[in-house]
Amino acid sequence: MVKVKWSKEAIENIFEIREYYMKVSPKFSELLTDQIFEKEVLLMSFPKIGRIVPEINNENVREIIFKNYRIIYSLFDEKNINIIAVHSSSKPLSEGSIFG
């Protein structure tokens, strides 16, 4: 089975999303963040389900589109995935914005 790790940046991204929506709807905020974390189960079963991130154009850097967010992850090998960022699809993406 594939092992999925969440980077510190990805966790911080989710926290920021949660805090943003908490002001409007605490229930929606919790639901949205839970749904983002649930994508881990999908990746464990289907690691290559995401498309290659067009801005990076590296076969090992992929993304799952969920609602208004891009869950960006890296395939290290057949058994290890690192979720590196949860990025708003309304903002431009660059290597600097996801690789720190």
N, C-alpha and C. Protein backbone atom coordinates (compact mmCIF):
# COMPACT_ATOMS: atom_id res chain seq x y z
N MET A 1 0.84 -1.19 0.00
CA MET A 1 0.00 0.00 0.00
C MET A 1 0.88 1.25 0.00
N VAL A 2 0.37 2.28 -0.61
CA VAL A 2 1.09 3.54 -0.73
C VAL A 2 1.00 4.31 0.59
N LYS A 3 2.11 4.90 0.98
CA LYS A 3 2.16 5.72 2.19
C LYS A 3 2.07 7.19 1.77
N VAL A 4 1.15 7.93 2.40
CA VAL A 4 0.93 9.34 2.07
C VAL A 4 1.37 10.20 3.26
N LYS A 5 2.20 11.19 2.97
CA LYS A 5 2.63 12.15 4.00
C LYS A 5 2.15 13.53 3.60
N TRP A 6 1.79 14.33 4.58
CA TRP A 6 1.38 15.72 4.35
C TRP A 6 2.52 16.64 4.75
N SER A 7 2.93 17.52 3.86
CA SER A 7 3.99 18.47 4.20
C SER A 7 3.45 19.51 5.17
N LYS A 8 4.36 20.16 5.85
CA LYS A 8 3.99 21.23 6.77
C LYS A 8 3.24 22.33 6.03
N GLU A 9 3.69 22.65 4.83
CA GLU A 9 3.04 23.69 4.02
C GLU A 9 1.60 23.30 3.66
N ALA A 10 1.38 22.04 3.30
CA ALA A 10 0.02 21.59 2.96
C ALA A 10 -0.91 21.69 4.16
N ILE A 11 -0.42 21.31 5.33
CA ILE A 11 -1.22 21.41 6.55
C ILE A 11 -1.53 22.88 6.85
N GLU A 12 -0.55 23.74 6.68
CA GLU A 12 -0.78 25.18 6.89
C GLU A 12 -1.80 25.72 5.88
N ASN A 13 -1.73 25.27 4.63
CA ASN A 13 -2.70 25.69 3.62
C ASN A 13 -4.12 25.32 4.04
N ILE A 14 -4.28 24.09 4.52
CA ILE A 14 -5.60 23.63 4.95
C ILE A 14 -6.09 24.42 6.16
N PHE A 15 -5.20 24.72 7.07
CA PHE A 15 -5.57 25.52 8.24
C PHE A 15 -6.06 26.91 7.79
N GLU A 16 -5.37 27.51 6.84
CA GLU A 16 -5.78 28.82 6.32
C GLU A 16 -7.15 28.75 5.65
N ILE A 17 -7.40 27.69 4.90
CA ILE A 17 -8.70 27.49 4.25
C ILE A 17 -9.78 27.36 5.32
N ARG A 18 -9.49 26.54 6.32
CA ARG A 18 -10.44 26.33 7.41
C ARG A 18 -10.78 27.64 8.11
N GLU A 19 -9.76 28.41 8.43
CA GLU A 19 -9.98 29.69 9.12
C GLU A 19 -10.77 30.67 8.27
N TYR A 20 -10.51 30.69 6.98
CA TYR A 20 -11.21 31.60 6.07
C TYR A 20 -12.72 31.30 6.07
N TYR A 21 -13.07 30.03 5.92
CA TYR A 21 -14.49 29.67 5.85
C TYR A 21 -15.15 29.62 7.22
N MET A 22 -14.38 29.52 8.29
CA MET A 22 -14.94 29.48 9.63
C MET A 22 -15.75 30.75 9.93
N LYS A 23 -15.32 31.86 9.37
CA LYS A 23 -16.01 33.13 9.59
C LYS A 23 -17.41 33.12 8.97
N VAL A 24 -17.55 32.41 7.87
CA VAL A 24 -18.81 32.37 7.14
C VAL A 24 -19.70 31.23 7.63
N SER A 25 -19.11 30.04 7.72
CA SER A 25 -19.89 28.86 8.11
C SER A 25 -18.98 27.82 8.75
N PRO A 26 -19.01 27.73 10.07
CA PRO A 26 -18.17 26.73 10.74
C PRO A 26 -18.45 25.30 10.26
N LYS A 27 -19.70 24.99 9.99
CA LYS A 27 -20.05 23.64 9.53
C LYS A 27 -19.43 23.36 8.16
N PHE A 28 -19.55 24.31 7.23
CA PHE A 28 -18.95 24.15 5.91
C PHE A 28 -17.43 24.06 6.01
N SER A 29 -16.86 24.88 6.87
CA SER A 29 -15.42 24.89 7.06
C SER A 29 -14.90 23.51 7.47
N GLU A 30 -15.55 22.91 8.44
CA GLU A 30 -15.16 21.58 8.91
C GLU A 30 -15.36 20.53 7.82
N LEU A 31 -16.48 20.59 7.13
CA LEU A 31 -16.78 19.64 6.06
C LEU A 31 -15.74 19.73 4.94
N LEU A 32 -15.43 20.94 4.51
CA LEU A 32 -14.46 21.14 3.43
C LEU A 32 -13.09 20.60 3.80
N THR A 33 -12.62 20.93 4.98
CA THR A 33 -11.28 20.47 5.37
C THR A 33 -11.27 18.94 5.54
N ASP A 34 -12.34 18.37 6.07
CA ASP A 34 -12.42 16.90 6.17
C ASP A 34 -12.36 16.26 4.78
N GLN A 35 -13.07 16.85 3.82
CA GLN A 35 -13.08 16.30 2.47
C GLN A 35 -11.70 16.40 1.82
N ILE A 36 -10.98 17.46 2.10
CA ILE A 36 -9.62 17.58 1.55
C ILE A 36 -8.74 16.47 2.13
N PHE A 37 -8.80 16.27 3.44
CA PHE A 37 -7.99 15.22 4.06
C PHE A 37 -8.39 13.83 3.57
N GLU A 38 -9.64 13.64 3.21
CA GLU A 38 -10.10 12.33 2.72
C GLU A 38 -9.49 11.97 1.37
N LYS A 39 -8.94 12.92 0.66
CA LYS A 39 -8.30 12.62 -0.63
C LYS A 39 -7.08 11.72 -0.44
N GLU A 40 -6.57 11.66 0.77
CA GLU A 40 -5.45 10.77 1.08
C GLU A 40 -5.82 9.32 0.78
N VAL A 41 -7.05 8.92 1.12
CA VAL A 41 -7.51 7.55 0.88
C VAL A 41 -7.53 7.25 -0.62
N LEU A 42 -7.99 8.21 -1.40
CA LEU A 42 -8.01 8.05 -2.86
C LEU A 42 -6.60 7.85 -3.41
N LEU A 43 -5.67 8.66 -2.93
CA LEU A 43 -4.29 8.56 -3.40
C LEU A 43 -3.62 7.26 -2.99
N MET A 44 -4.00 6.74 -1.83
CA MET A 44 -3.43 5.46 -1.39
C MET A 44 -3.79 4.34 -2.35
N SER A 45 -4.99 4.41 -2.91
CA SER A 45 -5.44 3.37 -3.83
C SER A 45 -5.04 3.64 -5.28
N PHE A 46 -5.02 4.92 -5.65
CA PHE A 46 -4.75 5.31 -7.03
C PHE A 46 -3.73 6.46 -7.07
N PRO A 47 -2.47 6.19 -6.85
CA PRO A 47 -1.47 7.26 -6.74
C PRO A 47 -1.30 8.13 -7.98
N LYS A 48 -1.61 7.60 -9.14
CA LYS A 48 -1.43 8.39 -10.37
C LYS A 48 -2.75 8.95 -10.89
N ILE A 49 -3.75 9.03 -10.03
CA ILE A 49 -5.06 9.51 -10.45
C ILE A 49 -5.03 10.99 -10.85
N GLY A 50 -4.16 11.76 -10.24
CA GLY A 50 -4.08 13.18 -10.54
C GLY A 50 -3.39 13.46 -11.85
N ARG A 51 -3.70 14.61 -12.39
CA ARG A 51 -3.04 15.01 -13.64
C ARG A 51 -1.68 15.63 -13.31
N ILE A 52 -0.81 15.64 -14.30
CA ILE A 52 0.49 16.29 -14.15
C ILE A 52 0.24 17.79 -14.05
N VAL A 53 0.89 18.45 -13.10
CA VAL A 53 0.72 19.89 -12.92
C VAL A 53 1.29 20.59 -14.14
N PRO A 54 0.46 21.28 -14.94
CA PRO A 54 0.94 21.85 -16.20
C PRO A 54 2.07 22.86 -16.02
N GLU A 55 2.03 23.66 -14.97
CA GLU A 55 3.05 24.69 -14.77
C GLU A 55 4.42 24.09 -14.44
N ILE A 56 4.42 22.90 -13.87
CA ILE A 56 5.68 22.24 -13.48
C ILE A 56 6.15 21.28 -14.56
N ASN A 57 5.19 20.59 -15.20
CA ASN A 57 5.47 19.63 -16.28
C ASN A 57 6.49 18.57 -15.88
N ASN A 58 6.24 17.99 -14.72
CA ASN A 58 7.07 16.90 -14.21
C ASN A 58 6.12 15.74 -13.92
N GLU A 59 6.39 14.60 -14.49
CA GLU A 59 5.50 13.45 -14.36
C GLU A 59 5.24 13.06 -12.90
N ASN A 60 6.15 13.38 -12.02
CA ASN A 60 6.02 13.00 -10.62
C ASN A 60 5.35 14.06 -9.75
N VAL A 61 5.04 15.22 -10.32
CA VAL A 61 4.32 16.26 -9.58
C VAL A 61 2.92 16.34 -10.17
N ARG A 62 1.93 15.94 -9.38
CA ARG A 62 0.57 15.80 -9.87
C ARG A 62 -0.40 16.57 -8.98
N GLU A 63 -1.65 16.65 -9.44
CA GLU A 63 -2.65 17.35 -8.66
C GLU A 63 -4.02 16.73 -8.83
N ILE A 64 -4.78 16.81 -7.76
CA ILE A 64 -6.20 16.47 -7.80
C ILE A 64 -6.93 17.79 -7.66
N ILE A 65 -7.88 18.03 -8.54
CA ILE A 65 -8.71 19.23 -8.45
C ILE A 65 -9.92 18.89 -7.58
N PHE A 66 -10.11 19.66 -6.53
CA PHE A 66 -11.26 19.46 -5.64
C PHE A 66 -11.87 20.81 -5.30
N LYS A 67 -13.09 20.99 -5.73
CA LYS A 67 -13.80 22.27 -5.58
C LYS A 67 -12.93 23.37 -6.17
N ASN A 68 -12.54 24.38 -5.39
CA ASN A 68 -11.71 25.48 -5.89
C ASN A 68 -10.23 25.31 -5.53
N TYR A 69 -9.82 24.09 -5.27
CA TYR A 69 -8.46 23.86 -4.79
C TYR A 69 -7.73 22.81 -5.62
N ARG A 70 -6.43 22.97 -5.64
CA ARG A 70 -5.54 22.03 -6.30
C ARG A 70 -4.73 21.36 -5.20
N ILE A 71 -4.93 20.07 -5.03
CA ILE A 71 -4.18 19.31 -4.04
C ILE A 71 -2.97 18.75 -4.78
N ILE A 72 -1.83 19.36 -4.52
CA ILE A 72 -0.62 19.07 -5.29
C ILE A 72 0.25 18.09 -4.50
N TYR A 73 0.66 17.04 -5.21
CA TYR A 73 1.45 16.01 -4.54
C TYR A 73 2.59 15.54 -5.43
N SER A 74 3.55 14.91 -4.78
CA SER A 74 4.72 14.41 -5.48
C SER A 74 4.82 12.90 -5.25
N LEU A 75 5.07 12.18 -6.34
CA LEU A 75 5.30 10.73 -6.26
C LEU A 75 6.80 10.51 -6.11
N PHE A 76 7.22 10.03 -4.95
CA PHE A 76 8.65 9.76 -4.75
C PHE A 76 9.03 8.43 -5.38
N ASP A 77 8.18 7.47 -5.19
CA ASP A 77 8.34 6.16 -5.81
C ASP A 77 6.97 5.49 -5.78
N GLU A 78 6.90 4.22 -6.06
CA GLU A 78 5.61 3.53 -6.14
C GLU A 78 4.91 3.39 -4.80
N LYS A 79 5.62 3.64 -3.72
CA LYS A 79 5.05 3.42 -2.38
C LYS A 79 4.99 4.68 -1.52
N ASN A 80 5.44 5.82 -2.02
CA ASN A 80 5.50 7.04 -1.21
C ASN A 80 5.01 8.27 -1.96
N ILE A 81 4.05 8.96 -1.35
CA ILE A 81 3.50 10.20 -1.89
C ILE A 81 3.64 11.27 -0.81
N ASN A 82 3.98 12.47 -1.25
CA ASN A 82 4.03 13.60 -0.33
C ASN A 82 3.08 14.67 -0.87
N ILE A 83 2.06 15.00 -0.10
CA ILE A 83 1.16 16.08 -0.48
C ILE A 83 1.88 17.37 -0.09
N ILE A 84 2.21 18.18 -1.10
CA ILE A 84 3.08 19.32 -0.85
C ILE A 84 2.35 20.65 -0.70
N ALA A 85 1.13 20.74 -1.24
CA ALA A 85 0.39 22.01 -1.12
C ALA A 85 -1.08 21.80 -1.45
N VAL A 86 -1.90 22.66 -0.86
CA VAL A 86 -3.30 22.77 -1.24
C VAL A 86 -3.45 24.22 -1.67
N HIS A 87 -3.58 24.39 -2.98
CA HIS A 87 -3.46 25.72 -3.58
C HIS A 87 -4.80 26.16 -4.17
N SER A 88 -5.17 27.40 -3.93
CA SER A 88 -6.39 27.94 -4.51
C SER A 88 -6.24 28.02 -6.02
N SER A 89 -7.25 27.54 -6.73
CA SER A 89 -7.17 27.57 -8.19
C SER A 89 -7.35 28.98 -8.74
N SER A 90 -7.73 29.92 -7.89
CA SER A 90 -7.90 31.30 -8.36
C SER A 90 -6.59 32.09 -8.33
N LYS A 91 -5.54 31.52 -7.75
CA LYS A 91 -4.24 32.20 -7.68
C LYS A 91 -3.26 31.54 -8.63
N PRO A 92 -2.35 32.34 -9.21
CA PRO A 92 -1.34 31.74 -10.10
C PRO A 92 -0.43 30.78 -9.32
N LEU A 93 0.03 29.78 -10.00
CA LEU A 93 0.90 28.78 -9.41
C LEU A 93 2.30 28.89 -9.98
N SER A 94 3.28 28.80 -9.11
CA SER A 94 4.67 28.78 -9.54
C SER A 94 5.40 27.77 -8.67
N GLU A 95 6.59 27.35 -9.11
CA GLU A 95 7.37 26.42 -8.29
C GLU A 95 7.63 27.00 -6.92
N GLY A 96 7.87 28.30 -6.86
CA GLY A 96 8.11 28.95 -5.57
C GLY A 96 6.92 28.91 -4.66
N SER A 97 5.73 28.93 -5.21
CA SER A 97 4.53 28.94 -4.36
C SER A 97 4.19 27.56 -3.81
N ILE A 98 4.76 26.50 -4.40
CA ILE A 98 4.47 25.18 -3.85
C ILE A 98 5.70 24.49 -3.26
N PHE A 99 6.88 24.91 -3.67
CA PHE A 99 8.09 24.31 -3.12
C PHE A 99 8.79 25.22 -2.12
N GLY A 100 8.11 26.30 -1.75
CA GLY A 100 8.61 27.20 -0.73
C GLY A 100 9.79 27.98 -1.13
